[in-house]
Amino acid sequence: MAPSVAGRISDMVRSGALKVSCGRVASVEAHSGSLRVSIRRPGDRVAEIDVQWIIDASGVDYSLSEDHLLARLRDTGLIIKGPLGLGVRVDASLHVVDAACKPRPRVLALGPITRGVFWECTSVPDIRVQAEKLAGEIARMS
């Protein structure tokens, strides 16, 4: 990661704006205007956190079954497969589309996982354009 990005992340962690932790997503549910995420931590401990945003930039999973987060989001109807079964379906503003075919206002995706919609989104320049669009969308909604 670029030193300037590492510095910004370190500043966010120090200020409490960003918390970094490890674990696997066990479930995601809508809860009181936010999203409640259950995380299975090492040693099988489960922690629940309320979040304002979920952004998945983990890469391509064409089947949505290999990745635990994507499988849980699919199973709860928060995401659906993208066109041709590639990645997840998103709208033009990178909002993930749910099983009711409605964009989720606080669930966004970028990069290769949006390949079914945008196809060319696997190189750094393409992802950079998407990241700028996503940042603008988050700023607009905040």
C-alpha atoms as a PDB file:
ATOM      1  CA  MET A   1       0.000   0.000   0.000  1.00  0.00           C
ATOM      2  CA  ALA A   2       1.201   3.491  -0.711  1.00  0.00           C
ATOM      3  CA  PRO A   3       2.769   5.261   2.297  1.00  0.00           C
ATOM      4  CA  SER A   4       0.240   8.105   2.078  1.00  0.00           C
ATOM      5  CA  VAL A   5      -2.640   5.611   2.256  1.00  0.00           C
ATOM      6  CA  ALA A   6      -1.017   3.781   5.169  1.00  0.00           C
ATOM      7  CA  GLY A   7      -0.686   7.092   6.982  1.00  0.00           C
ATOM      8  CA  ARG A   8      -4.354   7.954   6.479  1.00  0.00           C
ATOM      9  CA  ILE A   9      -5.421   4.512   7.703  1.00  0.00           C
ATOM     10  CA  SER A  10      -3.174   4.830  10.769  1.00  0.00           C
ATOM     11  CA  ASP A  11      -4.701   8.243  11.514  1.00  0.00           C
ATOM     12  CA  MET A  12      -8.231   6.810  11.222  1.00  0.00           C
ATOM     13  CA  VAL A  13      -7.381   3.923  13.568  1.00  0.00           C
ATOM     14  CA  ARG A  14      -5.819   6.318  16.117  1.00  0.00           C
ATOM     15  CA  SER A  15      -8.875   8.611  16.032  1.00  0.00           C
ATOM     16  CA  GLY A  16     -11.299   5.702  16.401  1.00  0.00           C
ATOM     17  CA  ALA A  17     -12.918   6.348  13.004  1.00  0.00           C
ATOM     18  CA  LEU A  18     -11.747   2.919  11.800  1.00  0.00           C
ATOM     19  CA  LYS A  19     -11.538  -0.331  13.719  1.00  0.00           C
ATOM     20  CA  VAL A  20      -9.612  -3.224  12.215  1.00  0.00           C
ATOM     21  CA  SER A  21     -10.368  -6.755  13.391  1.00  0.00           C
ATOM     22  CA  CYS A  22     -10.218 -10.314  12.139  1.00  0.00           C
ATOM     23  CA  GLY A  23     -12.906 -12.932  11.745  1.00  0.00           C
ATOM     24  CA  ARG A  24     -15.424 -14.373   9.300  1.00  0.00           C
ATOM     25  CA  VAL A  25     -18.823 -12.867   8.641  1.00  0.00           C
ATOM     26  CA  ALA A  26     -21.482 -15.191  10.060  1.00  0.00           C
ATOM     27  CA  SER A  27     -24.537 -13.043   9.232  1.00  0.00           C
ATOM     28  CA  VAL A  28     -25.676  -9.592   8.143  1.00  0.00           C
ATOM     29  CA  GLU A  29     -29.094  -8.163   9.010  1.00  0.00           C
ATOM     30  CA  ALA A  30     -30.770  -4.781   8.666  1.00  0.00           C
ATOM     31  CA  HIS A  31     -31.060  -3.275  12.163  1.00  0.00           C
ATOM     32  CA  SER A  32     -32.366   0.121  13.303  1.00  0.00           C
ATOM     33  CA  GLY A  33     -31.128   2.119  10.317  1.00  0.00           C
ATOM     34  CA  SER A  34     -27.793   0.309  10.148  1.00  0.00           C
ATOM     35  CA  LEU A  35     -26.535  -3.198   9.471  1.00  0.00           C
ATOM     36  CA  ARG A  36     -25.823  -5.683  12.263  1.00  0.00           C
ATOM     37  CA  VAL A  37     -22.911  -7.971  11.402  1.00  0.00           C
ATOM     38  CA  SER A  38     -22.135 -11.127  13.378  1.00  0.00           C
ATOM     39  CA  ILE A  39     -18.448 -11.967  13.151  1.00  0.00           C
ATOM     40  CA  ARG A  40     -17.007 -15.348  14.106  1.00  0.00           C
ATOM     41  CA  ARG A  41     -13.662 -14.557  15.676  1.00  0.00           C
ATOM     42  CA  PRO A  42     -10.728 -16.909  16.296  1.00  0.00           C
ATOM     43  CA  GLY A  43     -11.611 -19.502  18.917  1.00  0.00           C
ATOM     44  CA  ASP A  44     -15.252 -19.585  17.719  1.00  0.00           C
ATOM     45  CA  ARG A  45     -16.191 -16.437  19.654  1.00  0.00           C
ATOM     46  CA  VAL A  46     -18.978 -14.476  17.988  1.00  0.00           C
ATOM     47  CA  ALA A  47     -19.144 -10.696  18.128  1.00  0.00           C
ATOM     48  CA  GLU A  48     -21.943  -8.494  16.840  1.00  0.00           C
ATOM     49  CA  ILE A  49     -21.252  -5.012  15.552  1.00  0.00           C
ATOM     50  CA  ASP A  50     -23.494  -2.375  14.005  1.00  0.00           C
ATOM     51  CA  VAL A  51     -22.037  -0.754  10.921  1.00  0.00           C
ATOM     52  CA  GLN A  52     -23.104   2.008   8.579  1.00  0.00           C
ATOM     53  CA  TRP A  53     -21.377   0.614   5.492  1.00  0.00           C
ATOM     54  CA  ILE A  54     -20.339  -2.685   3.977  1.00  0.00           C
ATOM     55  CA  ILE A  55     -17.890  -2.409   1.100  1.00  0.00           C
ATOM     56  CA  ASP A  56     -16.555  -5.635  -0.360  1.00  0.00           C
ATOM     57  CA  ALA A  57     -13.405  -5.314  -2.430  1.00  0.00           C
ATOM     58  CA  SER A  58     -12.213  -8.884  -1.887  1.00  0.00           C
ATOM     59  CA  GLY A  59     -12.188 -10.020  -5.508  1.00  0.00           C
ATOM     60  CA  VAL A  60     -14.227 -12.158  -7.860  1.00  0.00           C
ATOM     61  CA  ASP A  61     -16.374 -15.064  -6.765  1.00  0.00           C
ATOM     62  CA  TYR A  62     -18.465 -16.042  -9.745  1.00  0.00           C
ATOM     63  CA  SER A  63     -20.655 -18.437  -7.784  1.00  0.00           C
ATOM     64  CA  LEU A  64     -21.155 -16.300  -4.637  1.00  0.00           C
ATOM     65  CA  SER A  65     -20.700 -19.490  -2.647  1.00  0.00           C
ATOM     66  CA  GLU A  66     -16.948 -19.653  -1.987  1.00  0.00           C
ATOM     67  CA  ASP A  67     -16.762 -16.399  -0.028  1.00  0.00           C
ATOM     68  CA  HIS A  68     -18.505 -16.520   3.366  1.00  0.00           C
ATOM     69  CA  LEU A  69     -19.569 -12.865   3.357  1.00  0.00           C
ATOM     70  CA  LEU A  70     -21.023 -13.073  -0.141  1.00  0.00           C
ATOM     71  CA  ALA A  71     -22.783 -16.364   0.589  1.00  0.00           C
ATOM     72  CA  ARG A  72     -24.392 -14.866   3.715  1.00  0.00           C
ATOM     73  CA  LEU A  73     -25.439 -11.713   1.884  1.00  0.00           C
ATOM     74  CA  ARG A  74     -26.898 -13.847  -0.923  1.00  0.00           C
ATOM     75  CA  ASP A  75     -28.702 -16.169   1.499  1.00  0.00           C
ATOM     76  CA  THR A  76     -30.349 -13.215   3.241  1.00  0.00           C
ATOM     77  CA  GLY A  77     -31.374 -11.595  -0.050  1.00  0.00           C
ATOM     78  CA  LEU A  78     -29.087  -8.581   0.318  1.00  0.00           C
ATOM     79  CA  ILE A  79     -27.261  -9.373  -2.951  1.00  0.00           C
ATOM     80  CA  ILE A  80     -27.931 -11.247  -6.181  1.00  0.00           C
ATOM     81  CA  LYS A  81     -25.651 -12.504  -8.922  1.00  0.00           C
ATOM     82  CA  GLY A  82     -24.561 -10.087 -11.581  1.00  0.00           C
ATOM     83  CA  PRO A  83     -25.415 -10.519 -15.256  1.00  0.00           C
ATOM     84  CA  LEU A  84     -24.232 -13.837 -16.714  1.00  0.00           C
ATOM     85  CA  GLY A  85     -23.633 -15.077 -13.154  1.00  0.00           C
ATOM     86  CA  LEU A  86     -20.520 -12.925 -12.764  1.00  0.00           C
ATOM     87  CA  GLY A  87     -19.955 -11.324  -9.364  1.00  0.00           C
ATOM     88  CA  VAL A  88     -22.754  -9.276  -7.829  1.00  0.00           C
ATOM     89  CA  ARG A  89     -25.315  -7.028  -9.469  1.00  0.00           C
ATOM     90  CA  VAL A  90     -24.739  -3.329  -8.824  1.00  0.00           C
ATOM     91  CA  ASP A  91     -26.344  -0.170 -10.170  1.00  0.00           C
ATOM     92  CA  ALA A  92     -24.491   2.648 -11.946  1.00  0.00           C
ATOM     93  CA  SER A  93     -23.593   4.209  -8.559  1.00  0.00           C
ATOM     94  CA  LEU A  94     -22.051   0.916  -7.305  1.00  0.00           C
ATOM     95  CA  HIS A  95     -24.926   0.144  -4.915  1.00  0.00           C
ATOM     96  CA  VAL A  96     -25.473  -3.597  -4.585  1.00  0.00           C
ATOM     97  CA  VAL A  97     -28.867  -4.744  -5.902  1.00  0.00           C
ATOM     98  CA  ASP A  98     -30.881  -7.008  -3.595  1.00  0.00           C
ATOM     99  CA  ALA A  99     -33.222  -9.943  -4.273  1.00  0.00           C
ATOM    100  CA  ALA A 100     -36.125  -7.479  -4.729  1.00  0.00           C
ATOM    101  CA  CYS A 101     -34.048  -5.873  -7.533  1.00  0.00           C
ATOM    102  CA  LYS A 102     -33.669  -2.683  -5.495  1.00  0.00           C
ATOM    103  CA  PRO A 103     -30.327  -0.946  -4.851  1.00  0.00           C
ATOM    104  CA  ARG A 104     -29.213  -1.208  -1.211  1.00  0.00           C
ATOM    105  CA  PRO A 105     -28.417   2.342  -0.054  1.00  0.00           C
ATOM    106  CA  ARG A 106     -25.507   1.391   2.238  1.00  0.00           C
ATOM    107  CA  VAL A 107     -24.067  -1.728   0.603  1.00  0.00           C
ATOM    108  CA  LEU A 108     -21.612  -0.994  -2.175  1.00  0.00           C
ATOM    109  CA  ALA A 109     -19.073  -2.952  -4.208  1.00  0.00           C
ATOM    110  CA  LEU A 110     -16.163  -2.119  -6.476  1.00  0.00           C
ATOM    111  CA  GLY A 111     -13.506  -3.869  -8.479  1.00  0.00           C
ATOM    112  CA  PRO A 112     -13.623  -7.333 -10.038  1.00  0.00           C
ATOM    113  CA  ILE A 113     -16.766  -8.328  -8.130  1.00  0.00           C
ATOM    114  CA  THR A 114     -18.707  -5.873 -10.359  1.00  0.00           C
ATOM    115  CA  ARG A 115     -17.427  -7.560 -13.519  1.00  0.00           C
ATOM    116  CA  GLY A 116     -20.875  -8.794 -14.562  1.00  0.00           C
ATOM    117  CA  VAL A 117     -22.060  -5.197 -14.865  1.00  0.00           C
ATOM    118  CA  PHE A 118     -18.928  -3.264 -15.860  1.00  0.00           C
ATOM    119  CA  TRP A 119     -16.696  -6.048 -17.292  1.00  0.00           C
ATOM    120  CA  GLU A 120     -13.546  -3.892 -17.423  1.00  0.00           C
ATOM    121  CA  CYS A 121     -12.876  -3.394 -13.722  1.00  0.00           C
ATOM    122  CA  THR A 122      -9.906  -5.598 -12.943  1.00  0.00           C
ATOM    123  CA  SER A 123      -6.959  -3.263 -13.490  1.00  0.00           C
ATOM    124  CA  VAL A 124      -5.786  -0.590 -11.079  1.00  0.00           C
ATOM    125  CA  PRO A 125      -6.845   2.325 -13.366  1.00  0.00           C
ATOM    126  CA  ASP A 126     -10.367   0.884 -13.690  1.00  0.00           C
ATOM    127  CA  ILE A 127     -10.649   0.237  -9.963  1.00  0.00           C
ATOM    128  CA  ARG A 128      -9.307   3.729  -9.226  1.00  0.00           C
ATOM    129  CA  VAL A 129     -12.176   5.234 -11.266  1.00  0.00           C
ATOM    130  CA  GLN A 130     -14.684   3.073  -9.389  1.00  0.00           C
ATOM    131  CA  ALA A 131     -13.125   3.985  -6.019  1.00  0.00           C
ATOM    132  CA  GLU A 132     -13.437   7.683  -6.827  1.00  0.00           C
ATOM    133  CA  LYS A 133     -17.082   7.175  -7.820  1.00  0.00           C
ATOM    134  CA  LEU A 134     -17.748   5.159  -4.655  1.00  0.00           C
ATOM    135  CA  ALA A 135     -16.083   7.784  -2.436  1.00  0.00           C
ATOM    136  CA  GLY A 136     -18.247  10.480  -4.030  1.00  0.00           C
ATOM    137  CA  GLU A 137     -21.358   8.403  -3.468  1.00  0.00           C
ATOM    138  CA  ILE A 138     -20.516   7.839   0.204  1.00  0.00           C
ATOM    139  CA  ALA A 139     -19.762  11.550   0.687  1.00  0.00           C
ATOM    140  CA  ARG A 140     -23.074  12.459  -0.981  1.00  0.00           C
ATOM    141  CA  MET A 141     -25.005  10.107   1.317  1.00  0.00           C
ATOM    142  CA  SER A 142     -23.231  11.041   4.566  1.00  0.00           C
END
